Amino acid sequence: MSTERGSRKVRTGRVVSNKPDKTVIVAIERRVPHPVYHKIIKTTKKISVHDEKNEANINDTVKVMETRPLSKTKRWRLIEIVKRFEEA
């Protein structure tokens, strides 16, 4: 399997924290079959994402792209906010 140089992973997830400066924590949820029982289960992975303008808020749906290491834990950057969270 050959992938072209420069192609980066793009994921969609939900912001679970925006406390650090210029950083948001995004939960990416995947649905995978259980290896033995074959039931579909949800797995969640939390990643640190670089948000230069501090514009994402908690519960927003965002699109992120893989990038070079920006700090010890940050390897992703914010591309766009897909859907803003509205409180009822």
PDB file of N, CA and C in Angstrom:
ATOM      1  N   MET A   1       0.849  -1.183   0.000  1.00  0.00           N
ATOM      2  CA  MET A   1       0.000   0.000   0.000  1.00  0.00           C
ATOM      3  C   MET A   1       0.887   1.236   0.000  1.00  0.00           C
ATOM      4  N   SER A   2       0.787   2.040  -1.018  1.00  0.00           N
ATOM      5  CA  SER A   2       1.617   3.232  -1.104  1.00  0.00           C
ATOM      6  C   SER A   2       0.755   4.478  -0.881  1.00  0.00           C
ATOM      7  N   THR A   3       1.251   5.356  -0.028  1.00  0.00           N
ATOM      8  CA  THR A   3       0.568   6.627   0.185  1.00  0.00           C
ATOM      9  C   THR A   3       1.499   7.726  -0.287  1.00  0.00           C
ATOM     10  N   GLU A   4       0.908   8.750  -0.863  1.00  0.00           N
ATOM     11  CA  GLU A   4       1.730   9.827  -1.386  1.00  0.00           C
ATOM     12  C   GLU A   4       2.299  10.668  -0.244  1.00  0.00           C
ATOM     13  N   ARG A   5       3.458  11.216  -0.449  1.00  0.00           N
ATOM     14  CA  ARG A   5       4.104  12.031   0.569  1.00  0.00           C
ATOM     15  C   ARG A   5       3.304  13.310   0.764  1.00  0.00           C
ATOM     16  N   GLY A   6       3.119  13.698   2.022  1.00  0.00           N
ATOM     17  CA  GLY A   6       2.409  14.933   2.304  1.00  0.00           C
ATOM     18  C   GLY A   6       0.933  14.755   2.576  1.00  0.00           C
ATOM     19  N   SER A   7       0.408  13.521   2.414  1.00  0.00           N
ATOM     20  CA  SER A   7      -1.006  13.324   2.717  1.00  0.00           C
ATOM     21  C   SER A   7      -1.149  13.165   4.229  1.00  0.00           C
ATOM     22  N   ARG A   8      -2.070  13.935   4.806  1.00  0.00           N
ATOM     23  CA  ARG A   8      -2.220  13.951   6.251  1.00  0.00           C
ATOM     24  C   ARG A   8      -3.584  13.423   6.653  1.00  0.00           C
ATOM     25  N   LYS A   9      -3.648  12.832   7.846  1.00  0.00           N
ATOM     26  CA  LYS A   9      -4.912  12.316   8.350  1.00  0.00           C
ATOM     27  C   LYS A   9      -5.822  13.472   8.744  1.00  0.00           C
ATOM     28  N   VAL A  10      -7.097  13.336   8.445  1.00  0.00           N
ATOM     29  CA  VAL A  10      -8.104  14.320   8.839  1.00  0.00           C
ATOM     30  C   VAL A  10      -9.175  13.573   9.628  1.00  0.00           C
ATOM     31  N   ARG A  11      -9.529  14.080  10.804  1.00  0.00           N
ATOM     32  CA  ARG A  11     -10.524  13.441  11.659  1.00  0.00           C
ATOM     33  C   ARG A  11     -11.547  14.469  12.125  1.00  0.00           C
ATOM     34  N   THR A  12     -12.717  13.986  12.515  1.00  0.00           N
ATOM     35  CA  THR A  12     -13.762  14.835  13.074  1.00  0.00           C
ATOM     36  C   THR A  12     -14.046  14.363  14.483  1.00  0.00           C
ATOM     37  N   GLY A  13     -14.171  15.315  15.414  1.00  0.00           N
ATOM     38  CA  GLY A  13     -14.422  14.943  16.800  1.00  0.00           C
ATOM     39  C   GLY A  13     -15.137  16.052  17.552  1.00  0.00           C
ATOM     40  N   ARG A  14     -15.332  15.825  18.861  1.00  0.00           N
ATOM     41  CA  ARG A  14     -16.059  16.763  19.707  1.00  0.00           C
ATOM     42  C   ARG A  14     -15.116  17.317  20.762  1.00  0.00           C
ATOM     43  N   VAL A  15     -15.172  18.632  20.973  1.00  0.00           N
ATOM     44  CA  VAL A  15     -14.306  19.290  21.960  1.00  0.00           C
ATOM     45  C   VAL A  15     -14.812  18.959  23.356  1.00  0.00           C
ATOM     46  N   VAL A  16     -13.924  18.434  24.203  1.00  0.00           N
ATOM     47  CA  VAL A  16     -14.310  18.105  25.575  1.00  0.00           C
ATOM     48  C   VAL A  16     -13.678  19.056  26.590  1.00  0.00           C
ATOM     49  N   SER A  17     -12.641  19.812  26.190  1.00  0.00           N
ATOM     50  CA  SER A  17     -12.029  20.780  27.096  1.00  0.00           C
ATOM     51  C   SER A  17     -11.341  21.865  26.277  1.00  0.00           C
ATOM     52  N   ASN A  18     -11.419  23.113  26.766  1.00  0.00           N
ATOM     53  CA  ASN A  18     -10.688  24.211  26.113  1.00  0.00           C
ATOM     54  C   ASN A  18      -9.932  25.042  27.147  1.00  0.00           C
ATOM     55  N   LYS A  19      -9.557  24.418  28.260  1.00  0.00           N
ATOM     56  CA  LYS A  19      -8.885  25.144  29.336  1.00  0.00           C
ATOM     57  C   LYS A  19      -7.465  25.616  28.985  1.00  0.00           C
ATOM     58  N   PRO A  20      -6.606  24.778  28.364  1.00  0.00           N
ATOM     59  CA  PRO A  20      -5.254  25.279  28.064  1.00  0.00           C
ATOM     60  C   PRO A  20      -5.282  26.391  27.017  1.00  0.00           C
ATOM     61  N   ASP A  21      -4.288  27.267  27.043  1.00  0.00           N
ATOM     62  CA  ASP A  21      -4.202  28.363  26.089  1.00  0.00           C
ATOM     63  C   ASP A  21      -3.797  27.813  24.716  1.00  0.00           C
ATOM     64  N   LYS A  22      -4.544  28.195  23.691  1.00  0.00           N
ATOM     65  CA  LYS A  22      -4.308  27.795  22.298  1.00  0.00           C
ATOM     66  C   LYS A  22      -4.349  26.285  22.089  1.00  0.00           C
ATOM     67  N   THR A  23      -5.069  25.587  22.963  1.00  0.00           N
ATOM     68  CA  THR A  23      -5.190  24.135  22.850  1.00  0.00           C
ATOM     69  C   THR A  23      -6.609  23.718  23.199  1.00  0.00           C
ATOM     70  N   VAL A  24      -7.137  22.737  22.482  1.00  0.00           N
ATOM     71  CA  VAL A  24      -8.407  22.118  22.857  1.00  0.00           C
ATOM     72  C   VAL A  24      -8.193  20.609  22.893  1.00  0.00           C
ATOM     73  N   ILE A  25      -8.925  19.939  23.764  1.00  0.00           N
ATOM     74  CA  ILE A  25      -8.878  18.485  23.846  1.00  0.00           C
ATOM     75  C   ILE A  25     -10.094  17.967  23.083  1.00  0.00           C
ATOM     76  N   VAL A  26      -9.848  17.123  22.080  1.00  0.00           N
ATOM     77  CA  VAL A  26     -10.904  16.624  21.212  1.00  0.00           C
ATOM     78  C   VAL A  26     -11.030  15.113  21.400  1.00  0.00           C
ATOM     79  N   ALA A  27     -12.280  14.651  21.571  1.00  0.00           N
ATOM     80  CA  ALA A  27     -12.557  13.222  21.676  1.00  0.00           C
ATOM     81  C   ALA A  27     -12.986  12.722  20.300  1.00  0.00           C
ATOM     82  N   ILE A  28     -12.259  11.742  19.783  1.00  0.00           N
ATOM     83  CA  ILE A  28     -12.576  11.152  18.492  1.00  0.00           C
ATOM     84  C   ILE A  28     -13.170   9.772  18.757  1.00  0.00           C
ATOM     85  N   GLU A  29     -14.386   9.564  18.287  1.00  0.00           N
ATOM     86  CA  GLU A  29     -15.114   8.325  18.552  1.00  0.00           C
ATOM     87  C   GLU A  29     -15.136   7.462  17.300  1.00  0.00           C
ATOM     88  N   ARG A  30     -14.803   6.175  17.474  1.00  0.00           N
ATOM     89  CA  ARG A  30     -14.840   5.224  16.358  1.00  0.00           C
ATOM     90  C   ARG A  30     -15.745   4.063  16.732  1.00  0.00           C
ATOM     91  N   ARG A  31     -16.365   3.474  15.728  1.00  0.00           N
ATOM     92  CA  ARG A  31     -17.185   2.282  15.951  1.00  0.00           C
ATOM     93  C   ARG A  31     -16.443   1.109  15.333  1.00  0.00           C
ATOM     94  N   VAL A  32     -16.054   0.150  16.174  1.00  0.00           N
ATOM     95  CA  VAL A  32     -15.276  -0.999  15.716  1.00  0.00           C
ATOM     96  C   VAL A  32     -15.925  -2.288  16.209  1.00  0.00           C
ATOM     97  N   PRO A  33     -15.821  -3.367  15.450  1.00  0.00           N
ATOM     98  CA  PRO A  33     -16.356  -4.640  15.929  1.00  0.00           C
ATOM     99  C   PRO A  33     -15.445  -5.256  16.986  1.00  0.00           C
ATOM    100  N   HIS A  34     -16.046  -5.875  17.993  1.00  0.00           N
ATOM    101  CA  HIS A  34     -15.277  -6.565  19.018  1.00  0.00           C
ATOM    102  C   HIS A  34     -14.559  -7.743  18.362  1.00  0.00           C
ATOM    103  N   PRO A  35     -13.280  -7.979  18.695  1.00  0.00           N
ATOM    104  CA  PRO A  35     -12.518  -9.018  17.991  1.00  0.00           C
ATOM    105  C   PRO A  35     -13.075 -10.435  18.158  1.00  0.00           C
ATOM    106  N   VAL A  36     -13.706 -10.727  19.282  1.00  0.00           N
ATOM    107  CA  VAL A  36     -14.226 -12.073  19.511  1.00  0.00           C
ATOM    108  C   VAL A  36     -15.734 -12.144  19.285  1.00  0.00           C
ATOM    109  N   TYR A  37     -16.468 -11.190  19.876  1.00  0.00           N
ATOM    110  CA  TYR A  37     -17.924 -11.277  19.874  1.00  0.00           C
ATOM    111  C   TYR A  37     -18.594 -10.561  18.698  1.00  0.00           C
ATOM    112  N   HIS A  38     -17.848  -9.778  17.948  1.00  0.00           N
ATOM    113  CA  HIS A  38     -18.316  -9.096  16.737  1.00  0.00           C
ATOM    114  C   HIS A  38     -19.434  -8.087  16.970  1.00  0.00           C
ATOM    115  N   LYS A  39     -19.643  -7.684  18.209  1.00  0.00           N
ATOM    116  CA  LYS A  39     -20.606  -6.620  18.484  1.00  0.00           C
ATOM    117  C   LYS A  39     -19.913  -5.286  18.216  1.00  0.00           C
ATOM    118  N   ILE A  40     -20.641  -4.329  17.654  1.00  0.00           N
ATOM    119  CA  ILE A  40     -20.065  -3.015  17.388  1.00  0.00           C
ATOM    120  C   ILE A  40     -19.955  -2.254  18.702  1.00  0.00           C
ATOM    121  N   ILE A  41     -18.737  -1.804  19.016  1.00  0.00           N
ATOM    122  CA  ILE A  41     -18.515  -1.028  20.235  1.00  0.00           C
ATOM    123  C   ILE A  41     -17.881   0.308  19.863  1.00  0.00           C
ATOM    124  N   LYS A  42     -18.097   1.303  20.729  1.00  0.00           N
ATOM    125  CA  LYS A  42     -17.524   2.622  20.501  1.00  0.00           C
ATOM    126  C   LYS A  42     -16.212   2.734  21.268  1.00  0.00           C
ATOM    127  N   THR A  43     -15.170   3.211  20.587  1.00  0.00           N
ATOM    128  CA  THR A  43     -13.913   3.495  21.255  1.00  0.00           C
ATOM    129  C   THR A  43     -13.644   4.984  21.116  1.00  0.00           C
ATOM    130  N   THR A  44     -13.156   5.579  22.186  1.00  0.00           N
ATOM    131  CA  THR A  44     -12.899   7.009  22.195  1.00  0.00           C
ATOM    132  C   THR A  44     -11.426   7.259  22.452  1.00  0.00           C
ATOM    133  N   LYS A  45     -10.866   8.188  21.698  1.00  0.00           N
ATOM    134  CA  LYS A  45      -9.475   8.587  21.891  1.00  0.00           C
ATOM    135  C   LYS A  45      -9.444  10.097  22.051  1.00  0.00           C
ATOM    136  N   LYS A  46      -8.741  10.577  23.078  1.00  0.00           N
ATOM    137  CA  LYS A  46      -8.636  12.017  23.290  1.00  0.00           C
ATOM    138  C   LYS A  46      -7.294  12.508  22.763  1.00  0.00           C
ATOM    139  N   ILE A  47      -7.325  13.584  21.974  1.00  0.00           N
ATOM    140  CA  ILE A  47      -6.093  14.157  21.427  1.00  0.00           C
ATOM    141  C   ILE A  47      -6.039  15.647  21.745  1.00  0.00           C
ATOM    142  N   SER A  48      -4.826  16.169  21.852  1.00  0.00           N
ATOM    143  CA  SER A  48      -4.623  17.604  22.046  1.00  0.00           C
ATOM    144  C   SER A  48      -4.479  18.254  20.682  1.00  0.00           C
ATOM    145  N   VAL A  49      -5.225  19.334  20.471  1.00  0.00           N
ATOM    146  CA  VAL A  49      -5.280  19.984  19.164  1.00  0.00           C
ATOM    147  C   VAL A  49      -4.889  21.450  19.315  1.00  0.00           C
ATOM    148  N   HIS A  50      -4.065  21.941  18.396  1.00  0.00           N
ATOM    149  CA  HIS A  50      -3.641  23.337  18.411  1.00  0.00           C
ATOM    150  C   HIS A  50      -4.745  24.222  17.838  1.00  0.00           C
ATOM    151  N   ASP A  51      -5.196  25.188  18.637  1.00  0.00           N
ATOM    152  CA  ASP A  51      -6.252  26.133  18.245  1.00  0.00           C
ATOM    153  C   ASP A  51      -5.668  27.539  18.392  1.00  0.00           C
ATOM    154  N   GLU A  52      -5.095  28.058  17.314  1.00  0.00           N
ATOM    155  CA  GLU A  52      -4.339  29.318  17.359  1.00  0.00           C
ATOM    156  C   GLU A  52      -5.155  30.495  17.879  1.00  0.00           C
ATOM    157  N   LYS A  53      -6.430  30.593  17.484  1.00  0.00           N
ATOM    158  CA  LYS A  53      -7.237  31.771  17.843  1.00  0.00           C
ATOM    159  C   LYS A  53      -8.147  31.534  19.035  1.00  0.00           C
ATOM    160  N   ASN A  54      -8.036  30.386  19.703  1.00  0.00           N
ATOM    161  CA  ASN A  54      -8.891  30.051  20.853  1.00  0.00           C
ATOM    162  C   ASN A  54     -10.376  30.201  20.514  1.00  0.00           C
ATOM    163  N   GLU A  55     -10.806  29.686  19.357  1.00  0.00           N
ATOM    164  CA  GLU A  55     -12.185  29.910  18.921  1.00  0.00           C
ATOM    165  C   GLU A  55     -13.119  28.729  19.181  1.00  0.00           C
ATOM    166  N   ALA A  56     -12.595  27.542  19.473  1.00  0.00           N
ATOM    167  CA  ALA A  56     -13.457  26.378  19.708  1.00  0.00           C
ATOM    168  C   ALA A  56     -13.899  26.327  21.166  1.00  0.00           C
ATOM    169  N   ASN A  57     -15.176  25.981  21.375  1.00  0.00           N
ATOM    170  CA  ASN A  57     -15.727  25.861  22.722  1.00  0.00           C
ATOM    171  C   ASN A  57     -16.125  24.415  22.993  1.00  0.00           C
ATOM    172  N   ILE A  58     -16.447  24.120  24.237  1.00  0.00           N
ATOM    173  CA  ILE A  58     -16.830  22.770  24.633  1.00  0.00           C
ATOM    174  C   ILE A  58     -18.092  22.341  23.881  1.00  0.00           C
ATOM    175  N   ASN A  59     -18.118  21.082  23.454  1.00  0.00           N
ATOM    176  CA  ASN A  59     -19.212  20.436  22.715  1.00  0.00           C
ATOM    177  C   ASN A  59     -19.314  20.861  21.252  1.00  0.00           C
ATOM    178  N   ASP A  60     -18.395  21.680  20.748  1.00  0.00           N
ATOM    179  CA  ASP A  60     -18.371  21.978  19.313  1.00  0.00           C
ATOM    180  C   ASP A  60     -17.847  20.749  18.559  1.00  0.00           C
ATOM    181  N   THR A  61     -18.355  20.541  17.353  1.00  0.00           N
ATOM    182  CA  THR A  61     -17.826  19.504  16.479  1.00  0.00           C
ATOM    183  C   THR A  61     -16.778  20.148  15.583  1.00  0.00           C
ATOM    184  N   VAL A  62     -15.563  19.589  15.567  1.00  0.00           N
ATOM    185  CA  VAL A  62     -14.452  20.207  14.840  1.00  0.00           C
ATOM    186  C   VAL A  62     -13.785  19.203  13.912  1.00  0.00           C
ATOM    187  N   LYS A  63     -13.114  19.732  12.895  1.00  0.00           N
ATOM    188  CA  LYS A  63     -12.323  18.931  11.979  1.00  0.00           C
ATOM    189  C   LYS A  63     -10.858  19.249  12.249  1.00  0.00           C
ATOM    190  N   VAL A  64     -10.030  18.213  12.421  1.00  0.00           N
ATOM    191  CA  VAL A  64      -8.613  18.404  12.756  1.00  0.00           C
ATOM    192  C   VAL A  64      -7.738  17.684  11.743  1.00  0.00           C
ATOM    193  N   MET A  65      -6.504  18.172  11.599  1.00  0.00           N
ATOM    194  CA  MET A  65      -5.561  17.592  10.649  1.00  0.00           C
ATOM    195  C   MET A  65      -4.244  17.293  11.349  1.00  0.00           C
ATOM    196  N   GLU A  66      -3.639  16.196  10.977  1.00  0.00           N
ATOM    197  CA  GLU A  66      -2.353  15.814  11.529  1.00  0.00           C
ATOM    198  C   GLU A  66      -1.286  16.816  11.079  1.00  0.00           C
ATOM    199  N   THR A  67      -0.324  17.096  11.958  1.00  0.00           N
ATOM    200  CA  THR A  67       0.735  18.048  11.625  1.00  0.00           C
ATOM    201  C   THR A  67       2.028  17.641  12.320  1.00  0.00           C
ATOM    202  N   ARG A  68       3.053  18.421  12.156  1.00  0.00           N
ATOM    203  CA  ARG A  68       4.319  18.130  12.828  1.00  0.00           C
ATOM    204  C   ARG A  68       4.143  18.312  14.338  1.00  0.00           C
ATOM    205  N   PRO A  69       5.021  17.741  15.155  1.00  0.00           N
ATOM    206  CA  PRO A  69       4.874  17.928  16.601  1.00  0.00           C
ATOM    207  C   PRO A  69       5.008  19.399  16.992  1.00  0.00           C
ATOM    208  N   LEU A  70       3.986  19.902  17.700  1.00  0.00           N
ATOM    209  CA  LEU A  70       3.992  21.296  18.140  1.00  0.00           C
ATOM    210  C   LEU A  70       4.395  21.416  19.599  1.00  0.00           C
ATOM    211  N   SER A  71       4.232  20.332  20.362  1.00  0.00           N
ATOM    212  CA  SER A  71       4.668  20.295  21.759  1.00  0.00           C
ATOM    213  C   SER A  71       4.796  18.827  22.142  1.00  0.00           C
ATOM    214  N   LYS A  72       4.920  18.567  23.434  1.00  0.00           N
ATOM    215  CA  LYS A  72       5.064  17.182  23.891  1.00  0.00           C
ATOM    216  C   LYS A  72       3.859  16.324  23.509  1.00  0.00           C
ATOM    217  N   THR A  73       2.659  16.885  23.574  1.00  0.00           N
ATOM    218  CA  THR A  73       1.453  16.094  23.299  1.00  0.00           C
ATOM    219  C   THR A  73       0.694  16.521  22.045  1.00  0.00           C
ATOM    220  N   LYS A  74       0.957  17.706  21.505  1.00  0.00           N
ATOM    221  CA  LYS A  74       0.177  18.208  20.362  1.00  0.00           C
ATOM    222  C   LYS A  74       0.773  17.776  19.033  1.00  0.00           C
ATOM    223  N   ARG A  75      -0.026  17.005  18.270  1.00  0.00           N
ATOM    224  CA  ARG A  75       0.364  16.584  16.915  1.00  0.00           C
ATOM    225  C   ARG A  75      -0.736  16.873  15.910  1.00  0.00           C
ATOM    226  N   TRP A  76      -1.767  17.598  16.309  1.00  0.00           N
ATOM    227  CA  TRP A  76      -2.913  17.902  15.458  1.00  0.00           C
ATOM    228  C   TRP A  76      -3.190  19.391  15.499  1.00  0.00           C
ATOM    229  N   ARG A  77      -3.809  19.921  14.421  1.00  0.00           N
ATOM    230  CA  ARG A  77      -4.216  21.321  14.429  1.00  0.00           C
ATOM    231  C   ARG A  77      -5.652  21.440  13.940  1.00  0.00           C
ATOM    232  N   LEU A  78      -6.311  22.488  14.394  1.00  0.00           N
ATOM    233  CA  LEU A  78      -7.711  22.727  14.064  1.00  0.00           C
ATOM    234  C   LEU A  78      -7.821  23.248  12.640  1.00  0.00           C
ATOM    235  N   ILE A  79      -8.695  22.627  11.826  1.00  0.00           N
ATOM    236  CA  ILE A  79      -8.951  23.114  10.467  1.00  0.00           C
ATOM    237  C   ILE A  79     -10.173  24.021  10.482  1.00  0.00           C
ATOM    238  N   GLU A  80     -11.295  23.487  10.991  1.00  0.00           N
ATOM    239  CA  GLU A  80     -12.521  24.268  10.996  1.00  0.00           C
ATOM    240  C   GLU A  80     -13.456  23.762  12.083  1.00  0.00           C
ATOM    241  N   ILE A  81     -14.382  24.627  12.456  1.00  0.00           N
ATOM    242  CA  ILE A  81     -15.447  24.242  13.366  1.00  0.00           C
ATOM    243  C   ILE A  81     -16.633  23.862  12.496  1.00  0.00           C
ATOM    244  N   VAL A  82     -16.992  22.580  12.505  1.00  0.00           N
ATOM    245  CA  VAL A  82     -18.046  22.073  11.640  1.00  0.00           C
ATOM    246  C   VAL A  82     -19.410  22.518  12.154  1.00  0.00           C
ATOM    247  N   LYS A  83     -19.626  22.382  13.475  1.00  0.00           N
ATOM    248  CA  LYS A  83     -20.919  22.718  14.050  1.00  0.00           C
ATOM    249  C   LYS A  83     -20.726  23.282  15.444  1.00  0.00           C
ATOM    250  N   ARG A  84     -21.293  24.452  15.678  1.00  0.00           N
ATOM    251  CA  ARG A  84     -21.245  25.087  16.999  1.00  0.00           C
ATOM    252  C   ARG A  84     -22.309  24.485  17.889  1.00  0.00           C
ATOM    253  N   PHE A  85     -22.010  24.399  19.183  1.00  0.00           N
ATOM    254  CA  PHE A  85     -22.977  23.886  20.157  1.00  0.00           C
ATOM    255  C   PHE A  85     -23.892  25.012  20.609  1.00  0.00           C
ATOM    256  N   GLU A  86     -25.204  24.789  20.524  1.00  0.00           N
ATOM    257  CA  GLU A  86     -26.165  25.788  20.988  1.00  0.00           C
ATOM    258  C   GLU A  86     -26.822  25.275  22.248  1.00  0.00           C
ATOM    259  N   GLU A  87     -26.821  26.097  23.303  1.00  0.00           N
ATOM    260  CA  GLU A  87     -27.499  25.711  24.541  1.00  0.00           C
ATOM    261  C   GLU A  87     -28.972  26.018  24.429  1.00  0.00           C
ATOM    262  N   ALA A  88     -29.786  25.138  24.969  1.00  0.00           N
ATOM    263  CA  ALA A  88     -31.237  25.323  24.877  1.00  0.00           C
ATOM    264  C   ALA A  88     -31.745  26.268  25.949  1.00  0.00           C
TER     265      ALA A  88
END
